[in-house]
Amino acid sequence: MMSARPVFAALVLAALAPAGALAAGGTPEWPCVQRKMAEVSVGQIWQKGEIPQAAKDLARDRRIVEVVDYAAARRTSLEEVEKRIAEFAAAAGAERNLKLQALFVALLDRMNGERGQVISGIERYGKHQVELAERLRGEQAALDRMRADPSADPSALQDAQDQLLWDARIFDDRKASLMTACEVPVLIEQR
């Protein structure tokens, strides 16, 4: 039978992981190693001066939205996206620069929206992990009290240990999933 004590020690250390995010400028709810950025600003990517209002207005054009829908889909390869944008640029004619600026504005807006949704989900997930870690601490404390009690029911002691191990497994599985989820905002940003 596996002891719950080493599992719990590992969980305590894992639960402290969000403190690393605080050192990186995050928040207690941000469980990822990567720095939390709510959105990517135009200035972080666009180095060619001010984007005109006409481009911002044009960003809602149906043809631009169609290209954005295609380009934003993560199942679409970047090679296919580049090809579609090249076709869009070639068909833009004299308004090429304005339409490409509008496309940039619309795509950045879409990607920031997606990133925001993913970041909110990650924060909720991280909060649930912290709550589960607190529950595990409580279960471990209760188990320790039961072990210290010579009159404790062996069956109840085994049940408590099994529950702790089960919850610890869930915690570990969720932690692995969280690491994967933390990469999604980075992938969206790269796109």
N, C-alpha and C. Protein backbone atom coordinates (compact mmCIF):
# COMPACT_ATOMS: atom_id res chain seq x y z
N MET A 1 0.85 -1.18 0.00
CA MET A 1 0.00 0.00 0.00
C MET A 1 0.89 1.24 0.00
N MET A 2 0.60 2.17 -0.88
CA MET A 2 1.40 3.39 -1.02
C MET A 2 1.05 4.39 0.08
N SER A 3 2.04 5.01 0.66
CA SER A 3 1.82 6.01 1.68
C SER A 3 1.37 7.31 1.04
N ALA A 4 0.46 8.00 1.68
CA ALA A 4 -0.05 9.27 1.16
C ALA A 4 0.89 10.42 1.47
N ARG A 5 1.80 10.23 2.43
CA ARG A 5 2.67 11.33 2.86
C ARG A 5 3.57 11.85 1.74
N PRO A 6 4.30 11.02 0.95
CA PRO A 6 5.12 11.56 -0.13
C PRO A 6 4.28 12.23 -1.22
N VAL A 7 3.11 11.67 -1.46
CA VAL A 7 2.21 12.27 -2.46
C VAL A 7 1.81 13.65 -2.01
N PHE A 8 1.45 13.78 -0.73
CA PHE A 8 1.02 15.07 -0.22
C PHE A 8 2.15 16.09 -0.26
N ALA A 9 3.36 15.67 0.07
CA ALA A 9 4.50 16.60 0.02
C ALA A 9 4.69 17.14 -1.40
N ALA A 10 4.54 16.26 -2.38
CA ALA A 10 4.66 16.71 -3.77
C ALA A 10 3.54 17.67 -4.13
N LEU A 11 2.34 17.41 -3.61
CA LEU A 11 1.20 18.29 -3.90
C LEU A 11 1.39 19.67 -3.30
N VAL A 12 1.93 19.71 -2.09
CA VAL A 12 2.16 21.00 -1.45
C VAL A 12 3.12 21.83 -2.31
N LEU A 13 4.19 21.20 -2.78
CA LEU A 13 5.13 21.92 -3.64
C LEU A 13 4.46 22.36 -4.94
N ALA A 14 3.65 21.50 -5.52
CA ALA A 14 2.96 21.84 -6.76
C ALA A 14 1.97 22.97 -6.54
N ALA A 15 1.33 22.99 -5.40
CA ALA A 15 0.36 24.05 -5.13
C ALA A 15 1.04 25.40 -4.99
N LEU A 16 2.31 25.39 -4.67
CA LEU A 16 3.04 26.64 -4.55
C LEU A 16 3.48 27.19 -5.90
N ALA A 17 3.27 26.45 -6.98
CA ALA A 17 3.70 26.88 -8.32
C ALA A 17 3.16 28.25 -8.71
N PRO A 18 1.91 28.62 -8.37
CA PRO A 18 1.46 29.95 -8.74
C PRO A 18 2.30 31.07 -8.15
N ALA A 19 3.03 30.82 -7.06
CA ALA A 19 3.90 31.85 -6.51
C ALA A 19 4.96 32.25 -7.51
N GLY A 20 5.39 31.33 -8.37
CA GLY A 20 6.33 31.66 -9.42
C GLY A 20 5.74 32.64 -10.40
N ALA A 21 4.45 32.52 -10.65
CA ALA A 21 3.79 33.45 -11.55
C ALA A 21 3.78 34.85 -10.94
N LEU A 22 3.63 34.94 -9.60
CA LEU A 22 3.66 36.25 -8.96
C LEU A 22 5.02 36.90 -9.16
N ALA A 23 6.07 36.12 -9.07
CA ALA A 23 7.40 36.68 -9.26
C ALA A 23 7.59 37.15 -10.70
N ALA A 24 6.89 36.53 -11.63
CA ALA A 24 6.99 36.91 -13.04
C ALA A 24 6.00 38.01 -13.38
N GLY A 25 5.34 38.58 -12.40
CA GLY A 25 4.42 39.68 -12.66
C GLY A 25 3.00 39.23 -12.87
N GLY A 26 2.68 37.99 -12.50
CA GLY A 26 1.34 37.48 -12.69
C GLY A 26 0.45 37.83 -11.52
N THR A 27 -0.64 37.10 -11.41
CA THR A 27 -1.57 37.26 -10.31
C THR A 27 -1.71 35.92 -9.62
N PRO A 28 -2.29 35.89 -8.42
CA PRO A 28 -2.45 34.60 -7.74
C PRO A 28 -3.30 33.62 -8.54
N GLU A 29 -4.19 34.12 -9.37
CA GLU A 29 -5.05 33.25 -10.17
C GLU A 29 -4.34 32.74 -11.43
N TRP A 30 -3.19 33.30 -11.76
CA TRP A 30 -2.49 32.92 -12.99
C TRP A 30 -1.51 31.81 -12.68
N PRO A 31 -1.81 30.58 -13.09
CA PRO A 31 -0.98 29.44 -12.71
C PRO A 31 0.15 29.10 -13.68
N CYS A 32 0.30 29.86 -14.73
CA CYS A 32 1.27 29.51 -15.77
C CYS A 32 2.63 30.15 -15.52
N VAL A 33 3.66 29.54 -16.07
CA VAL A 33 5.01 30.08 -15.98
C VAL A 33 5.11 31.34 -16.85
N GLN A 34 4.45 31.30 -18.00
CA GLN A 34 4.50 32.43 -18.92
C GLN A 34 3.85 33.65 -18.26
N ARG A 35 4.39 34.80 -18.57
CA ARG A 35 3.82 36.04 -18.06
C ARG A 35 2.43 36.23 -18.64
N LYS A 36 1.51 36.64 -17.80
CA LYS A 36 0.14 36.88 -18.25
C LYS A 36 0.07 38.22 -18.97
N MET A 37 -0.40 38.16 -20.20
CA MET A 37 -0.67 39.37 -20.98
C MET A 37 -2.12 39.27 -21.44
N ALA A 38 -2.96 40.15 -20.95
CA ALA A 38 -4.37 40.08 -21.28
C ALA A 38 -4.60 40.21 -22.78
N GLU A 39 -3.83 41.06 -23.42
CA GLU A 39 -3.96 41.20 -24.87
C GLU A 39 -2.65 41.68 -25.46
N VAL A 40 -2.53 41.46 -26.76
CA VAL A 40 -1.37 41.93 -27.50
C VAL A 40 -1.77 43.27 -28.11
N SER A 41 -0.97 44.28 -27.90
CA SER A 41 -1.31 45.60 -28.43
C SER A 41 -0.80 45.74 -29.87
N VAL A 42 -1.40 46.66 -30.59
CA VAL A 42 -1.00 46.94 -31.97
C VAL A 42 0.49 47.28 -32.00
N GLY A 43 0.94 48.10 -31.05
CA GLY A 43 2.33 48.55 -31.03
C GLY A 43 3.35 47.44 -30.82
N GLN A 44 2.94 46.33 -30.22
CA GLN A 44 3.86 45.21 -30.02
C GLN A 44 4.18 44.51 -31.33
N ILE A 45 3.30 44.64 -32.31
CA ILE A 45 3.48 43.93 -33.57
C ILE A 45 3.68 44.89 -34.74
N TRP A 46 2.91 45.94 -34.78
CA TRP A 46 2.88 46.86 -35.92
C TRP A 46 3.91 47.97 -35.70
N GLN A 47 4.89 48.00 -36.56
CA GLN A 47 5.97 48.99 -36.43
C GLN A 47 5.96 50.02 -37.55
N LYS A 48 4.85 50.13 -38.26
CA LYS A 48 4.82 50.97 -39.46
C LYS A 48 3.97 52.21 -39.27
N GLY A 49 3.96 52.75 -38.08
CA GLY A 49 3.22 53.98 -37.84
C GLY A 49 1.77 53.74 -37.48
N GLU A 50 1.03 54.84 -37.42
CA GLU A 50 -0.38 54.82 -37.03
C GLU A 50 -1.23 54.12 -38.09
N ILE A 51 -2.14 53.32 -37.63
CA ILE A 51 -3.10 52.69 -38.55
C ILE A 51 -4.25 53.67 -38.73
N PRO A 52 -4.57 54.00 -39.98
CA PRO A 52 -5.62 55.01 -40.20
C PRO A 52 -7.00 54.51 -39.78
N GLN A 53 -7.85 55.46 -39.43
CA GLN A 53 -9.22 55.14 -39.02
C GLN A 53 -9.96 54.40 -40.13
N ALA A 54 -9.66 54.76 -41.39
CA ALA A 54 -10.33 54.10 -42.52
C ALA A 54 -10.05 52.59 -42.50
N ALA A 55 -8.85 52.19 -42.12
CA ALA A 55 -8.52 50.76 -42.04
C ALA A 55 -9.28 50.12 -40.89
N LYS A 56 -9.40 50.83 -39.78
CA LYS A 56 -10.14 50.30 -38.63
C LYS A 56 -11.61 50.12 -38.98
N ASP A 57 -12.15 51.07 -39.73
CA ASP A 57 -13.55 50.98 -40.15
C ASP A 57 -13.75 49.83 -41.14
N LEU A 58 -12.79 49.65 -42.02
CA LEU A 58 -12.87 48.62 -43.06
C LEU A 58 -12.70 47.21 -42.47
N ALA A 59 -12.18 47.12 -41.26
CA ALA A 59 -11.92 45.83 -40.63
C ALA A 59 -13.19 45.00 -40.46
N ARG A 60 -14.35 45.61 -40.52
CA ARG A 60 -15.61 44.89 -40.37
C ARG A 60 -16.20 44.46 -41.72
N ASP A 61 -15.50 44.75 -42.80
CA ASP A 61 -15.96 44.38 -44.13
C ASP A 61 -16.09 42.85 -44.24
N ARG A 62 -17.14 42.40 -44.89
CA ARG A 62 -17.44 40.97 -45.00
C ARG A 62 -16.27 40.18 -45.58
N ARG A 63 -15.61 40.69 -46.63
CA ARG A 63 -14.49 39.96 -47.24
C ARG A 63 -13.31 39.85 -46.28
N ILE A 64 -13.08 40.87 -45.52
CA ILE A 64 -11.98 40.84 -44.55
C ILE A 64 -12.32 39.86 -43.42
N VAL A 65 -13.55 39.89 -42.97
CA VAL A 65 -13.97 38.97 -41.92
C VAL A 65 -13.84 37.51 -42.39
N GLU A 66 -14.13 37.24 -43.66
CA GLU A 66 -13.97 35.88 -44.19
C GLU A 66 -12.51 35.43 -44.13
N VAL A 67 -11.59 36.32 -44.49
CA VAL A 67 -10.17 35.97 -44.43
C VAL A 67 -9.74 35.78 -42.97
N VAL A 68 -10.25 36.62 -42.09
CA VAL A 68 -9.93 36.50 -40.67
C VAL A 68 -10.45 35.17 -40.12
N ASP A 69 -11.67 34.80 -40.49
CA ASP A 69 -12.23 33.52 -40.04
C ASP A 69 -11.31 32.37 -40.47
N TYR A 70 -10.85 32.43 -41.70
CA TYR A 70 -9.98 31.39 -42.23
C TYR A 70 -8.63 31.39 -41.52
N ALA A 71 -8.05 32.57 -41.38
CA ALA A 71 -6.70 32.70 -40.80
C ALA A 71 -6.69 32.38 -39.30
N ALA A 72 -7.76 32.70 -38.61
CA ALA A 72 -7.79 32.51 -37.16
C ALA A 72 -8.01 31.06 -36.77
N ALA A 73 -8.54 30.26 -37.67
CA ALA A 73 -8.81 28.85 -37.36
C ALA A 73 -7.49 28.12 -37.14
N ARG A 74 -7.30 27.58 -35.95
CA ARG A 74 -6.03 26.92 -35.62
C ARG A 74 -5.80 25.66 -36.43
N ARG A 75 -6.85 25.12 -37.01
CA ARG A 75 -6.69 23.92 -37.84
C ARG A 75 -6.11 24.27 -39.21
N THR A 76 -6.13 25.56 -39.57
CA THR A 76 -5.58 26.01 -40.84
C THR A 76 -4.08 26.21 -40.67
N SER A 77 -3.29 25.60 -41.55
CA SER A 77 -1.84 25.72 -41.44
C SER A 77 -1.41 27.16 -41.77
N LEU A 78 -0.27 27.56 -41.24
CA LEU A 78 0.23 28.90 -41.52
C LEU A 78 0.56 29.07 -43.00
N GLU A 79 0.97 28.01 -43.66
CA GLU A 79 1.23 28.08 -45.11
C GLU A 79 -0.05 28.41 -45.87
N GLU A 80 -1.16 27.78 -45.47
CA GLU A 80 -2.44 28.05 -46.12
C GLU A 80 -2.89 29.48 -45.83
N VAL A 81 -2.65 29.94 -44.62
CA VAL A 81 -3.02 31.31 -44.25
C VAL A 81 -2.22 32.31 -45.10
N GLU A 82 -0.92 32.08 -45.20
CA GLU A 82 -0.07 32.99 -46.00
C GLU A 82 -0.54 33.03 -47.45
N LYS A 83 -0.90 31.89 -47.98
CA LYS A 83 -1.39 31.82 -49.36
C LYS A 83 -2.69 32.63 -49.51
N ARG A 84 -3.61 32.43 -48.58
CA ARG A 84 -4.89 33.15 -48.64
C ARG A 84 -4.69 34.65 -48.50
N ILE A 85 -3.80 35.07 -47.65
CA ILE A 85 -3.54 36.51 -47.49
C ILE A 85 -2.87 37.07 -48.74
N ALA A 86 -1.98 36.32 -49.35
CA ALA A 86 -1.35 36.76 -50.61
C ALA A 86 -2.40 36.92 -51.70
N GLU A 87 -3.34 35.99 -51.78
CA GLU A 87 -4.43 36.10 -52.75
C GLU A 87 -5.29 37.32 -52.46
N PHE A 88 -5.58 37.55 -51.19
CA PHE A 88 -6.36 38.71 -50.77
C PHE A 88 -5.64 40.00 -51.16
N ALA A 89 -4.34 40.05 -50.91
CA ALA A 89 -3.55 41.25 -51.23
C ALA A 89 -3.52 41.48 -52.74
N ALA A 90 -3.36 40.43 -53.50
CA ALA A 90 -3.31 40.57 -54.96
C ALA A 90 -4.64 41.08 -55.51
N ALA A 91 -5.74 40.68 -54.91
CA ALA A 91 -7.06 41.09 -55.39
C ALA A 91 -7.46 42.47 -54.87
N ALA A 92 -6.69 43.03 -53.94
CA ALA A 92 -7.07 44.30 -53.31
C ALA A 92 -6.87 45.51 -54.21
N GLY A 93 -6.05 45.40 -55.22
CA GLY A 93 -5.85 46.50 -56.16
C GLY A 93 -5.21 47.71 -55.52
N ALA A 94 -5.73 48.87 -55.85
CA ALA A 94 -5.16 50.14 -55.41
C ALA A 94 -5.29 50.34 -53.90
N GLU A 95 -6.25 49.67 -53.28
CA GLU A 95 -6.45 49.81 -51.84
C GLU A 95 -5.70 48.74 -51.04
N ARG A 96 -4.70 48.17 -51.65
CA ARG A 96 -3.97 47.05 -51.05
C ARG A 96 -3.49 47.35 -49.62
N ASN A 97 -2.77 48.44 -49.44
CA ASN A 97 -2.23 48.76 -48.12
C ASN A 97 -3.33 48.96 -47.09
N LEU A 98 -4.38 49.70 -47.47
CA LEU A 98 -5.48 49.96 -46.56
C LEU A 98 -6.18 48.65 -46.17
N LYS A 99 -6.41 47.79 -47.15
CA LYS A 99 -7.10 46.52 -46.88
C LYS A 99 -6.22 45.58 -46.04
N LEU A 100 -4.93 45.59 -46.29
CA LEU A 100 -4.05 44.76 -45.46
C LEU A 100 -3.98 45.28 -44.03
N GLN A 101 -4.00 46.59 -43.87
CA GLN A 101 -4.04 47.16 -42.52
C GLN A 101 -5.34 46.78 -41.83
N ALA A 102 -6.44 46.83 -42.57
CA ALA A 102 -7.74 46.44 -42.01
C ALA A 102 -7.73 44.97 -41.63
N LEU A 103 -7.14 44.16 -42.46
CA LEU A 103 -7.03 42.73 -42.16
C LEU A 103 -6.22 42.52 -40.89
N PHE A 104 -5.13 43.24 -40.75
CA PHE A 104 -4.30 43.15 -39.54
C PHE A 104 -5.12 43.52 -38.31
N VAL A 105 -5.84 44.64 -38.38
CA VAL A 105 -6.64 45.10 -37.24
C VAL A 105 -7.69 44.06 -36.86
N ALA A 106 -8.38 43.54 -37.87
CA ALA A 106 -9.44 42.55 -37.61
C ALA A 106 -8.87 41.26 -37.05
N LEU A 107 -7.75 40.81 -37.59
CA LEU A 107 -7.15 39.57 -37.12
C LEU A 107 -6.61 39.73 -35.69
N LEU A 108 -5.98 40.85 -35.40
CA LEU A 108 -5.48 41.08 -34.05
C LEU A 108 -6.64 41.14 -33.06
N ASP A 109 -7.72 41.78 -33.44
CA ASP A 109 -8.88 41.86 -32.57
C ASP A 109 -9.44 40.46 -32.29
N ARG A 110 -9.54 39.63 -33.32
CA ARG A 110 -10.05 38.27 -33.16
C ARG A 110 -9.13 37.46 -32.26
N MET A 111 -7.83 37.54 -32.51
CA MET A 111 -6.89 36.75 -31.73
C MET A 111 -6.86 37.21 -30.27
N ASN A 112 -6.98 38.51 -30.04
CA ASN A 112 -7.04 39.00 -28.66
C ASN A 112 -8.29 38.49 -27.96
N GLY A 113 -9.40 38.43 -28.69
CA GLY A 113 -10.63 37.88 -28.11
C GLY A 113 -10.46 36.43 -27.73
N GLU A 114 -9.86 35.65 -28.61
CA GLU A 114 -9.62 34.23 -28.32
C GLU A 114 -8.66 34.08 -27.15
N ARG A 115 -7.59 34.86 -27.15
CA ARG A 115 -6.62 34.80 -26.05
C ARG A 115 -7.30 35.13 -24.73
N GLY A 116 -8.16 36.15 -24.74
CA GLY A 116 -8.86 36.55 -23.52
C GLY A 116 -9.73 35.43 -22.97
N GLN A 117 -10.43 34.73 -23.85
CA GLN A 117 -11.27 33.61 -23.41
C GLN A 117 -10.41 32.49 -22.84
N VAL A 118 -9.32 32.19 -23.50
CA VAL A 118 -8.43 31.12 -23.03
C VAL A 118 -7.82 31.50 -21.68
N ILE A 119 -7.37 32.73 -21.56
CA ILE A 119 -6.75 33.19 -20.31
C ILE A 119 -7.76 33.13 -19.16
N SER A 120 -9.01 33.52 -19.41
CA SER A 120 -10.04 33.43 -18.37
C SER A 120 -10.25 31.98 -17.95
N GLY A 121 -10.27 31.08 -18.92
CA GLY A 121 -10.43 29.66 -18.62
C GLY A 121 -9.26 29.12 -17.81
N ILE A 122 -8.06 29.53 -18.17
CA ILE A 122 -6.87 29.09 -17.43
C ILE A 122 -6.93 29.60 -15.99
N GLU A 123 -7.35 30.84 -15.81
CA GLU A 123 -7.45 31.38 -14.46
C GLU A 123 -8.48 30.61 -13.62
N ARG A 124 -9.63 30.28 -14.23
CA ARG A 124 -10.63 29.49 -13.51
C ARG A 124 -10.06 28.11 -13.15
N TYR A 125 -9.39 27.51 -14.10
CA TYR A 125 -8.79 26.20 -13.89
C TYR A 125 -7.76 26.27 -12.76
N GLY A 126 -6.93 27.30 -12.78
CA GLY A 126 -5.92 27.48 -11.73
C GLY A 126 -6.55 27.67 -10.36
N LYS A 127 -7.65 28.43 -10.34
CA LYS A 127 -8.35 28.65 -9.07
C LYS A 127 -8.89 27.33 -8.53
N HIS A 128 -9.43 26.49 -9.41
CA HIS A 128 -9.92 25.18 -8.98
C HIS A 128 -8.77 24.31 -8.47
N GLN A 129 -7.61 24.43 -9.09
CA GLN A 129 -6.44 23.67 -8.61
C GLN A 129 -6.05 24.11 -7.20
N VAL A 130 -6.07 25.40 -6.95
CA VAL A 130 -5.74 25.91 -5.62
C VAL A 130 -6.77 25.38 -4.61
N GLU A 131 -8.05 25.39 -5.00
CA GLU A 131 -9.09 24.88 -4.10
C GLU A 131 -8.89 23.38 -3.84
N LEU A 132 -8.52 22.64 -4.88
CA LEU A 132 -8.27 21.20 -4.71
C LEU A 132 -7.06 20.98 -3.81
N ALA A 133 -6.04 21.79 -3.94
CA ALA A 133 -4.86 21.68 -3.07
C ALA A 133 -5.24 21.92 -1.62
N GLU A 134 -6.12 22.90 -1.40
CA GLU A 134 -6.59 23.18 -0.03
C GLU A 134 -7.36 21.97 0.51
N ARG A 135 -8.20 21.38 -0.34
CA ARG A 135 -8.96 20.20 0.08
C ARG A 135 -8.00 19.05 0.42
N LEU A 136 -6.97 18.89 -0.40
CA LEU A 136 -5.98 17.83 -0.14
C LEU A 136 -5.27 18.07 1.19
N ARG A 137 -4.95 19.32 1.49
CA ARG A 137 -4.32 19.62 2.77
C ARG A 137 -5.24 19.22 3.92
N GLY A 138 -6.53 19.53 3.77
CA GLY A 138 -7.51 19.16 4.80
C GLY A 138 -7.63 17.65 4.94
N GLU A 139 -7.67 16.95 3.80
CA GLU A 139 -7.75 15.49 3.84
C GLU A 139 -6.51 14.90 4.51
N GLN A 140 -5.34 15.48 4.20
CA GLN A 140 -4.10 14.97 4.81
C GLN A 140 -4.11 15.22 6.31
N ALA A 141 -4.58 16.39 6.73
CA ALA A 141 -4.64 16.69 8.16
C ALA A 141 -5.59 15.73 8.87
N ALA A 142 -6.74 15.45 8.26
CA ALA A 142 -7.70 14.52 8.85
C ALA A 142 -7.11 13.11 8.92
N LEU A 143 -6.41 12.71 7.87
CA LEU A 143 -5.77 11.39 7.86
C LEU A 143 -4.71 11.29 8.94
N ASP A 144 -3.93 12.35 9.09
CA ASP A 144 -2.90 12.36 10.15
C ASP A 144 -3.54 12.23 11.53
N ARG A 145 -4.67 12.91 11.75
CA ARG A 145 -5.37 12.80 13.04
C ARG A 145 -5.87 11.38 13.26
N MET A 146 -6.39 10.77 12.20
CA MET A 146 -6.89 9.40 12.30
C MET A 146 -5.74 8.44 12.63
N ARG A 147 -4.60 8.64 11.99
CA ARG A 147 -3.45 7.77 12.25
C ARG A 147 -2.96 7.90 13.69
N ALA A 148 -3.07 9.11 14.23
CA ALA A 148 -2.60 9.36 15.59
C ALA A 148 -3.58 8.80 16.64
N ASP A 149 -4.79 8.51 16.22
CA ASP A 149 -5.81 8.00 17.14
C ASP A 149 -5.75 6.47 17.19
N PRO A 150 -5.33 5.91 18.32
CA PRO A 150 -5.22 4.45 18.41
C PRO A 150 -6.57 3.73 18.26
N SER A 151 -7.66 4.43 18.51
CA SER A 151 -8.98 3.79 18.41
C SER A 151 -9.64 4.01 17.04
N ALA A 152 -8.88 4.56 16.10
CA ALA A 152 -9.45 4.83 14.76
C ALA A 152 -9.84 3.54 14.07
N ASP A 153 -10.94 3.60 13.37
CA ASP A 153 -11.44 2.46 12.60
C ASP A 153 -10.50 2.22 11.42
N PRO A 154 -9.89 1.03 11.32
CA PRO A 154 -8.97 0.75 10.22
C PRO A 154 -9.62 0.89 8.84
N SER A 155 -10.89 0.55 8.77
CA SER A 155 -11.60 0.67 7.49
C SER A 155 -11.76 2.14 7.11
N ALA A 156 -12.11 2.98 8.07
CA ALA A 156 -12.25 4.41 7.80
C ALA A 156 -10.90 5.03 7.46
N LEU A 157 -9.85 4.56 8.13
CA LEU A 157 -8.50 5.03 7.84
C LEU A 157 -8.11 4.69 6.41
N GLN A 158 -8.40 3.46 5.99
CA GLN A 158 -8.10 3.05 4.61
C GLN A 158 -8.92 3.86 3.61
N ASP A 159 -10.19 4.08 3.92
CA ASP A 159 -11.04 4.88 3.02
C ASP A 159 -10.50 6.31 2.88
N ALA A 160 -10.07 6.89 4.00
CA ALA A 160 -9.54 8.25 3.96
C ALA A 160 -8.25 8.30 3.13
N GLN A 161 -7.40 7.29 3.31
CA GLN A 161 -6.16 7.26 2.53
C GLN A 161 -6.45 7.05 1.05
N ASP A 162 -7.39 6.17 0.73
CA ASP A 162 -7.76 5.95 -0.68
C ASP A 162 -8.31 7.23 -1.31
N GLN A 163 -9.14 7.95 -0.55
CA GLN A 163 -9.71 9.19 -1.06
C GLN A 163 -8.61 10.22 -1.32
N LEU A 164 -7.67 10.32 -0.40
CA LEU A 164 -6.56 11.25 -0.58
C LEU A 164 -5.75 10.89 -1.82
N LEU A 165 -5.44 9.62 -1.99
CA LEU A 165 -4.68 9.20 -3.16
C LEU A 165 -5.45 9.47 -4.45
N TRP A 166 -6.76 9.23 -4.43
CA TRP A 166 -7.58 9.48 -5.62
C TRP A 166 -7.58 10.98 -5.96
N ASP A 167 -7.80 11.82 -4.95
CA ASP A 167 -7.81 13.27 -5.18
C ASP A 167 -6.43 13.75 -5.62
N ALA A 168 -5.38 13.14 -5.08
CA ALA A 168 -4.02 13.51 -5.50
C ALA A 168 -3.79 13.15 -6.96
N ARG A 169 -4.31 12.02 -7.39
CA ARG A 169 -4.18 11.63 -8.80
C ARG A 169 -4.92 12.63 -9.70
N ILE A 170 -6.12 13.02 -9.29
CA ILE A 170 -6.87 14.02 -10.06
C ILE A 170 -6.08 15.33 -10.13
N PHE A 171 -5.52 15.73 -8.99
CA PHE A 171 -4.73 16.96 -8.95
C PHE A 171 -3.57 16.88 -9.94
N ASP A 172 -2.85 15.76 -9.93
CA ASP A 172 -1.70 15.59 -10.82
C ASP A 172 -2.13 15.58 -12.29
N ASP A 173 -3.22 14.89 -12.59
CA ASP A 173 -3.72 14.87 -13.97
C ASP A 173 -4.10 16.27 -14.43
N ARG A 174 -4.77 17.00 -13.56
CA ARG A 174 -5.18 18.37 -13.91
C ARG A 174 -3.96 19.28 -14.06
N LYS A 175 -2.94 19.03 -13.26
CA LYS A 175 -1.71 19.83 -13.37
C LYS A 175 -1.06 19.63 -14.73
N ALA A 176 -1.03 18.38 -15.20
CA ALA A 176 -0.46 18.09 -16.52
C ALA A 176 -1.29 18.77 -17.61
N SER A 177 -2.61 18.73 -17.47
CA SER A 177 -3.47 19.41 -18.45
C SER A 177 -3.27 20.91 -18.42
N LEU A 178 -3.03 21.43 -17.24
CA LEU A 178 -2.83 22.87 -17.10
C LEU A 178 -1.57 23.32 -17.83
N MET A 179 -0.52 22.51 -17.78
CA MET A 179 0.71 22.87 -18.49
C MET A 179 0.44 22.99 -19.99
N THR A 180 -0.36 22.08 -20.51
CA THR A 180 -0.72 22.13 -21.92
C THR A 180 -1.57 23.36 -22.21
N ALA A 181 -2.54 23.63 -21.34
CA ALA A 181 -3.42 24.79 -21.53
C ALA A 181 -2.63 26.10 -21.49
N CYS A 182 -1.59 26.15 -20.69
CA CYS A 182 -0.79 27.38 -20.58
C CYS A 182 -0.07 27.72 -21.88
N GLU A 183 0.10 26.75 -22.75
CA GLU A 183 0.74 27.00 -24.05
C GLU A 183 -0.20 27.62 -25.07
N VAL A 184 -1.50 27.48 -24.87
CA VAL A 184 -2.47 27.93 -25.88
C VAL A 184 -2.38 29.44 -26.13
N PRO A 185 -2.33 30.31 -25.10
CA PRO A 185 -2.21 31.73 -25.41
C PRO A 185 -0.95 32.06 -26.20
N VAL A 186 0.13 31.34 -25.94
CA VAL A 186 1.38 31.55 -26.68
C VAL A 186 1.19 31.16 -28.13
N LEU A 187 0.52 30.04 -28.38
CA LEU A 187 0.26 29.60 -29.75
C LEU A 187 -0.64 30.58 -30.50
N ILE A 188 -1.64 31.11 -29.81
CA ILE A 188 -2.51 32.11 -30.44
C ILE A 188 -1.70 33.36 -30.77
N GLU A 189 -0.87 33.77 -29.84
CA GLU A 189 -0.04 34.96 -30.07
C GLU A 189 0.89 34.77 -31.25
N GLN A 190 1.50 33.61 -31.36
CA GLN A 190 2.41 33.33 -32.47
C GLN A 190 1.66 33.36 -33.80
N ARG A 191 0.45 32.90 -33.79
CA ARG A 191 -0.35 32.88 -35.01
C ARG A 191 -0.61 34.28 -35.48
